[in-house]
Amino acid sequence: MDAADINLKGFAEDFYHTVTGAQLKPIMDTIRYAVHETECRVA
């Protein structure tokens, strides 16, 4: 993986679903993966 752009819009499930229409858990899982399993820089 050369680069990733993961935009977290909020931390509460209800807010996240209202703003994005998506669930928060898959996004958080992806961020955890990027932090712990890749050499991507997370800022």
C-alpha atoms as a PDB file:
ATOM      1  CA  MET A   1       0.000   0.000   0.000  1.00  0.00           C
ATOM      2  CA  ASP A   2       1.523   3.314  -1.049  1.00  0.00           C
ATOM      3  CA  ALA A   3      -1.121   5.656   0.356  1.00  0.00           C
ATOM      4  CA  ALA A   4      -4.524   5.756   1.990  1.00  0.00           C
ATOM      5  CA  ASP A   5      -6.982   8.540   2.722  1.00  0.00           C
ATOM      6  CA  ILE A   6      -9.417   7.583   5.479  1.00  0.00           C
ATOM      7  CA  ASN A   7     -11.759  10.355   6.605  1.00  0.00           C
ATOM      8  CA  LEU A   8     -13.337   9.907  10.017  1.00  0.00           C
ATOM      9  CA  LYS A   9     -16.323  12.246  10.279  1.00  0.00           C
ATOM     10  CA  GLY A  10     -17.245  11.512  13.897  1.00  0.00           C
ATOM     11  CA  PHE A  11     -16.939   9.090  16.781  1.00  0.00           C
ATOM     12  CA  ALA A  12     -20.577   8.353  17.638  1.00  0.00           C
ATOM     13  CA  GLU A  13     -22.368   5.646  15.633  1.00  0.00           C
ATOM     14  CA  ASP A  14     -25.623   7.642  15.345  1.00  0.00           C
ATOM     15  CA  PHE A  15     -23.835  10.796  14.196  1.00  0.00           C
ATOM     16  CA  TYR A  16     -21.651   8.895  11.738  1.00  0.00           C
ATOM     17  CA  HIS A  17     -24.628   7.118  10.200  1.00  0.00           C
ATOM     18  CA  THR A  18     -26.615  10.365   9.926  1.00  0.00           C
ATOM     19  CA  VAL A  19     -23.753  12.275   8.272  1.00  0.00           C
ATOM     20  CA  THR A  20     -22.387   9.553   5.983  1.00  0.00           C
ATOM     21  CA  GLY A  21     -25.083   6.889   5.760  1.00  0.00           C
ATOM     22  CA  ALA A  22     -22.435   4.331   6.729  1.00  0.00           C
ATOM     23  CA  GLN A  23     -21.586   2.361   9.850  1.00  0.00           C
ATOM     24  CA  LEU A  24     -18.691   3.462  12.058  1.00  0.00           C
ATOM     25  CA  LYS A  25     -17.205   0.034  12.899  1.00  0.00           C
ATOM     26  CA  PRO A  26     -15.839  -0.808   9.412  1.00  0.00           C
ATOM     27  CA  ILE A  27     -14.124   2.585   9.272  1.00  0.00           C
ATOM     28  CA  MET A  28     -12.589   2.112  12.717  1.00  0.00           C
ATOM     29  CA  ASP A  29     -11.467  -1.407  11.741  1.00  0.00           C
ATOM     30  CA  THR A  30      -9.773   0.001   8.640  1.00  0.00           C
ATOM     31  CA  ILE A  31      -7.993   2.694  10.654  1.00  0.00           C
ATOM     32  CA  ARG A  32      -6.798   0.096  13.185  1.00  0.00           C
ATOM     33  CA  TYR A  33      -5.521  -2.061  10.331  1.00  0.00           C
ATOM     34  CA  ALA A  34      -3.674   0.868   8.752  1.00  0.00           C
ATOM     35  CA  VAL A  35      -2.061   1.795  12.071  1.00  0.00           C
ATOM     36  CA  HIS A  36      -1.056  -1.687  13.208  1.00  0.00           C
ATOM     37  CA  GLU A  37      -0.569  -3.737  10.045  1.00  0.00           C
ATOM     38  CA  THR A  38       0.934  -1.327   7.503  1.00  0.00           C
ATOM     39  CA  GLU A  39       3.712   1.213   7.339  1.00  0.00           C
ATOM     40  CA  CYS A  40       1.272   4.023   6.465  1.00  0.00           C
ATOM     41  CA  ARG A  41       1.723   7.235   8.395  1.00  0.00           C
ATOM     42  CA  VAL A  42      -1.456   8.151  10.248  1.00  0.00           C
ATOM     43  CA  ALA A  43      -1.973  11.782  11.125  1.00  0.00           C
END
